[in-house]
Structures are given as structure tokens and as C-alpha cells.
Amino acid sequence: MIKVGLTESVALFFLIIIMGVFFLWFWGGRSKRGRRALRDDFQKTEITLRCPYCGNVFFNLKKMEIVQCPVCHNFVEED
């Protein structure tokens, strides 16, 4: 049997907790970066527009020069 003192077991416990927190922090940050990149790619497509008044992102499927925002109903020009 392996004899482990109180200080070693407490140190091992905290080491495992710190490693778990670091792993969750790293994994969460990585997945957010992927979602952010996906969102940026989505907003850079030619058929999406952002309303300057309410900030809504919507599709311009008909590719018209002036479109009406579906949320605030203001007219938005394509850049």
C-alpha cells in the first residue's frame, strides 16, 4: 500500500482542480474563437446586411440596392 500524507493529498487535490479549471478555460476559449470566426464569415457574405439603426443582420436575397429592415422597418442602402 502507498502511504500518502495529508499535505501530499491536499496538494494533489488542488493540482487536479487547477488542471480541470485550466482545461475548461482553454476548451471554452477555443470554441468561442471558432464561433466568432464563423459569425464573422457569415456577416462578410454578399447577401447579408446590417441595419445601422437597430443592428439587425438580415439577408438581402433579391440583391436590391435599398432594402427594408425586417425589425425596425427602416430603409437600408447596400454599401
N, C-alpha and C. Protein backbone atom coordinates (compact mmCIF):
# COMPACT_ATOMS: atom_id res chain seq x y z
N MET A 1 0.84 -1.17 0.00
CA MET A 1 0.00 0.00 0.00
C MET A 1 0.89 1.24 0.00
N ILE A 2 0.43 2.28 -0.71
CA ILE A 2 1.18 3.53 -0.79
C ILE A 2 0.71 4.45 0.32
N LYS A 3 1.66 4.93 1.10
CA LYS A 3 1.32 5.85 2.18
C LYS A 3 1.43 7.29 1.66
N VAL A 4 0.35 8.04 1.82
CA VAL A 4 0.31 9.43 1.38
C VAL A 4 -0.10 10.28 2.58
N GLY A 5 0.68 11.32 2.81
CA GLY A 5 0.39 12.21 3.93
C GLY A 5 -0.72 13.20 3.57
N LEU A 6 -1.12 13.94 4.58
CA LEU A 6 -2.19 14.92 4.40
C LEU A 6 -1.77 16.04 3.45
N THR A 7 -0.55 16.53 3.57
CA THR A 7 -0.11 17.64 2.71
C THR A 7 -0.03 17.21 1.24
N GLU A 8 0.46 15.97 1.00
CA GLU A 8 0.54 15.49 -0.38
C GLU A 8 -0.85 15.31 -0.98
N SER A 9 -1.79 14.80 -0.21
CA SER A 9 -3.14 14.58 -0.74
C SER A 9 -3.85 15.91 -1.00
N VAL A 10 -3.65 16.91 -0.15
CA VAL A 10 -4.25 18.23 -0.38
C VAL A 10 -3.62 18.88 -1.61
N ALA A 11 -2.30 18.76 -1.74
CA ALA A 11 -1.62 19.33 -2.91
C ALA A 11 -2.10 18.65 -4.19
N LEU A 12 -2.26 17.35 -4.18
CA LEU A 12 -2.76 16.62 -5.34
C LEU A 12 -4.19 17.02 -5.67
N PHE A 13 -5.01 17.20 -4.67
CA PHE A 13 -6.39 17.63 -4.87
C PHE A 13 -6.45 18.99 -5.56
N PHE A 14 -5.67 19.96 -5.05
CA PHE A 14 -5.67 21.28 -5.65
C PHE A 14 -5.06 21.28 -7.06
N LEU A 15 -4.07 20.44 -7.29
CA LEU A 15 -3.48 20.32 -8.61
C LEU A 15 -4.50 19.81 -9.62
N ILE A 16 -5.28 18.82 -9.23
CA ILE A 16 -6.32 18.29 -10.12
C ILE A 16 -7.38 19.34 -10.39
N ILE A 17 -7.78 20.09 -9.37
CA ILE A 17 -8.78 21.14 -9.54
C ILE A 17 -8.26 22.23 -10.48
N ILE A 18 -7.04 22.67 -10.28
CA ILE A 18 -6.45 23.72 -11.12
C ILE A 18 -6.31 23.24 -12.57
N MET A 19 -5.91 22.01 -12.76
CA MET A 19 -5.81 21.47 -14.12
C MET A 19 -7.18 21.39 -14.79
N GLY A 20 -8.20 21.03 -14.04
CA GLY A 20 -9.55 20.98 -14.58
C GLY A 20 -10.07 22.35 -14.99
N VAL A 21 -9.82 23.34 -14.15
CA VAL A 21 -10.24 24.71 -14.47
C VAL A 21 -9.49 25.22 -15.70
N PHE A 22 -8.20 24.96 -15.77
CA PHE A 22 -7.41 25.39 -16.93
C PHE A 22 -7.91 24.71 -18.21
N PHE A 23 -8.22 23.44 -18.14
CA PHE A 23 -8.72 22.71 -19.31
C PHE A 23 -10.06 23.29 -19.77
N LEU A 24 -10.97 23.56 -18.84
CA LEU A 24 -12.27 24.13 -19.21
C LEU A 24 -12.11 25.53 -19.79
N TRP A 25 -11.21 26.32 -19.23
CA TRP A 25 -10.96 27.66 -19.73
C TRP A 25 -10.40 27.62 -21.14
N PHE A 26 -9.44 26.73 -21.37
CA PHE A 26 -8.82 26.59 -22.69
C PHE A 26 -9.85 26.08 -23.70
N TRP A 27 -10.60 25.06 -23.34
CA TRP A 27 -11.57 24.48 -24.26
C TRP A 27 -12.69 25.48 -24.57
N GLY A 28 -13.16 26.23 -23.61
CA GLY A 28 -14.21 27.22 -23.82
C GLY A 28 -13.74 28.37 -24.70
N GLY A 29 -12.53 28.82 -24.51
CA GLY A 29 -11.98 29.89 -25.34
C GLY A 29 -11.79 29.46 -26.77
N ARG A 30 -11.40 28.21 -26.95
CA ARG A 30 -11.20 27.70 -28.31
C ARG A 30 -12.51 27.62 -29.06
N SER A 31 -13.56 27.17 -28.41
CA SER A 31 -14.83 27.04 -29.09
C SER A 31 -15.45 28.41 -29.38
N LYS A 32 -15.21 29.40 -28.51
CA LYS A 32 -15.72 30.75 -28.76
C LYS A 32 -15.01 31.38 -29.95
N ARG A 33 -13.71 31.11 -30.09
CA ARG A 33 -12.98 31.64 -31.23
C ARG A 33 -13.54 31.07 -32.53
N GLY A 34 -13.90 29.81 -32.52
CA GLY A 34 -14.47 29.19 -33.71
C GLY A 34 -15.83 29.79 -34.04
N ARG A 35 -16.66 30.02 -33.02
CA ARG A 35 -17.97 30.64 -33.26
C ARG A 35 -17.82 32.07 -33.75
N ARG A 36 -16.84 32.80 -33.20
CA ARG A 36 -16.62 34.18 -33.62
C ARG A 36 -16.17 34.23 -35.07
N ALA A 37 -15.27 33.33 -35.47
CA ALA A 37 -14.81 33.29 -36.85
C ALA A 37 -15.95 32.92 -37.79
N LEU A 38 -16.79 31.99 -37.37
CA LEU A 38 -17.93 31.60 -38.18
C LEU A 38 -18.90 32.76 -38.33
N ARG A 39 -19.15 33.50 -37.25
CA ARG A 39 -20.04 34.66 -37.30
C ARG A 39 -19.47 35.74 -38.21
N ASP A 40 -18.16 35.99 -38.14
CA ASP A 40 -17.54 37.00 -39.00
C ASP A 40 -17.62 36.59 -40.47
N ASP A 41 -17.41 35.31 -40.76
CA ASP A 41 -17.53 34.84 -42.13
C ASP A 41 -18.96 34.98 -42.63
N PHE A 42 -19.93 34.72 -41.75
CA PHE A 42 -21.34 34.84 -42.12
C PHE A 42 -21.69 36.29 -42.44
N GLN A 43 -21.17 37.23 -41.65
CA GLN A 43 -21.51 38.63 -41.85
C GLN A 43 -20.78 39.24 -43.04
N LYS A 44 -19.73 38.61 -43.53
CA LYS A 44 -18.99 39.14 -44.66
C LYS A 44 -19.54 38.66 -46.00
N THR A 45 -20.53 37.81 -46.00
CA THR A 45 -21.08 37.33 -47.26
C THR A 45 -21.80 38.45 -47.96
N GLU A 46 -22.01 38.30 -49.25
CA GLU A 46 -22.59 39.36 -50.06
C GLU A 46 -24.08 39.56 -49.81
N ILE A 47 -24.76 38.56 -49.31
CA ILE A 47 -26.21 38.67 -49.19
C ILE A 47 -26.66 39.10 -47.80
N THR A 48 -25.75 39.37 -46.90
CA THR A 48 -26.15 39.82 -45.57
C THR A 48 -25.95 41.32 -45.43
N LEU A 49 -26.86 41.94 -44.74
CA LEU A 49 -26.78 43.37 -44.45
C LEU A 49 -26.98 43.59 -42.96
N ARG A 50 -26.37 44.64 -42.44
CA ARG A 50 -26.57 45.02 -41.03
C ARG A 50 -27.28 46.38 -41.04
N CYS A 51 -28.38 46.43 -40.30
CA CYS A 51 -29.13 47.68 -40.18
C CYS A 51 -28.35 48.64 -39.27
N PRO A 52 -28.06 49.86 -39.75
CA PRO A 52 -27.30 50.79 -38.91
C PRO A 52 -28.12 51.36 -37.75
N TYR A 53 -29.42 51.18 -37.78
CA TYR A 53 -30.28 51.75 -36.74
C TYR A 53 -30.47 50.78 -35.57
N CYS A 54 -30.80 49.52 -35.88
CA CYS A 54 -31.07 48.57 -34.80
C CYS A 54 -30.00 47.49 -34.67
N GLY A 55 -29.10 47.36 -35.66
CA GLY A 55 -28.03 46.38 -35.58
C GLY A 55 -28.42 44.99 -36.03
N ASN A 56 -29.62 44.81 -36.55
CA ASN A 56 -30.08 43.51 -37.01
C ASN A 56 -29.32 43.09 -38.26
N VAL A 57 -28.91 41.83 -38.33
CA VAL A 57 -28.28 41.28 -39.52
C VAL A 57 -29.32 40.44 -40.24
N PHE A 58 -29.52 40.74 -41.52
CA PHE A 58 -30.54 40.02 -42.28
C PHE A 58 -30.06 39.79 -43.70
N PHE A 59 -30.78 38.93 -44.40
CA PHE A 59 -30.41 38.55 -45.76
C PHE A 59 -31.00 39.52 -46.78
N ASN A 60 -30.25 39.76 -47.84
CA ASN A 60 -30.73 40.51 -48.99
C ASN A 60 -30.71 39.54 -50.18
N LEU A 61 -31.66 38.63 -50.20
CA LEU A 61 -31.66 37.57 -51.20
C LEU A 61 -31.96 38.09 -52.60
N LYS A 62 -32.73 39.16 -52.72
CA LYS A 62 -33.06 39.70 -54.03
C LYS A 62 -31.96 40.62 -54.56
N LYS A 63 -30.97 40.90 -53.73
CA LYS A 63 -29.83 41.77 -54.06
C LYS A 63 -30.28 43.13 -54.57
N MET A 64 -31.24 43.71 -53.88
CA MET A 64 -31.71 45.05 -54.21
C MET A 64 -30.78 46.08 -53.56
N GLU A 65 -30.72 47.28 -54.13
CA GLU A 65 -29.83 48.30 -53.59
C GLU A 65 -30.36 48.91 -52.30
N ILE A 66 -31.68 49.08 -52.19
CA ILE A 66 -32.29 49.61 -50.97
C ILE A 66 -33.28 48.56 -50.45
N VAL A 67 -33.09 48.16 -49.21
CA VAL A 67 -33.93 47.13 -48.60
C VAL A 67 -34.51 47.67 -47.30
N GLN A 68 -35.61 47.08 -46.86
CA GLN A 68 -36.23 47.49 -45.60
C GLN A 68 -35.87 46.47 -44.53
N CYS A 69 -35.41 46.98 -43.40
CA CYS A 69 -35.06 46.11 -42.27
C CYS A 69 -36.32 45.43 -41.74
N PRO A 70 -36.28 44.11 -41.54
CA PRO A 70 -37.48 43.42 -41.06
C PRO A 70 -37.82 43.70 -39.60
N VAL A 71 -36.89 44.26 -38.84
CA VAL A 71 -37.15 44.50 -37.42
C VAL A 71 -37.67 45.91 -37.19
N CYS A 72 -36.91 46.93 -37.64
CA CYS A 72 -37.30 48.32 -37.36
C CYS A 72 -37.94 49.01 -38.56
N HIS A 73 -37.99 48.35 -39.70
CA HIS A 73 -38.64 48.82 -40.92
C HIS A 73 -38.03 50.10 -41.49
N ASN A 74 -36.77 50.39 -41.17
CA ASN A 74 -36.07 51.50 -41.79
C ASN A 74 -35.42 51.01 -43.09
N PHE A 75 -35.20 51.92 -44.01
CA PHE A 75 -34.59 51.56 -45.27
C PHE A 75 -33.07 51.57 -45.14
N VAL A 76 -32.44 50.54 -45.72
CA VAL A 76 -31.00 50.37 -45.60
C VAL A 76 -30.43 50.29 -47.01
N GLU A 77 -29.38 51.07 -47.27
CA GLU A 77 -28.71 51.02 -48.56
C GLU A 77 -27.56 50.02 -48.49
N GLU A 78 -27.33 49.35 -49.61
CA GLU A 78 -26.20 48.45 -49.67
C GLU A 78 -24.94 49.27 -49.91
N ASP A 79 -23.84 48.90 -49.27
CA ASP A 79 -22.59 49.67 -49.40
C ASP A 79 -21.98 49.54 -50.76
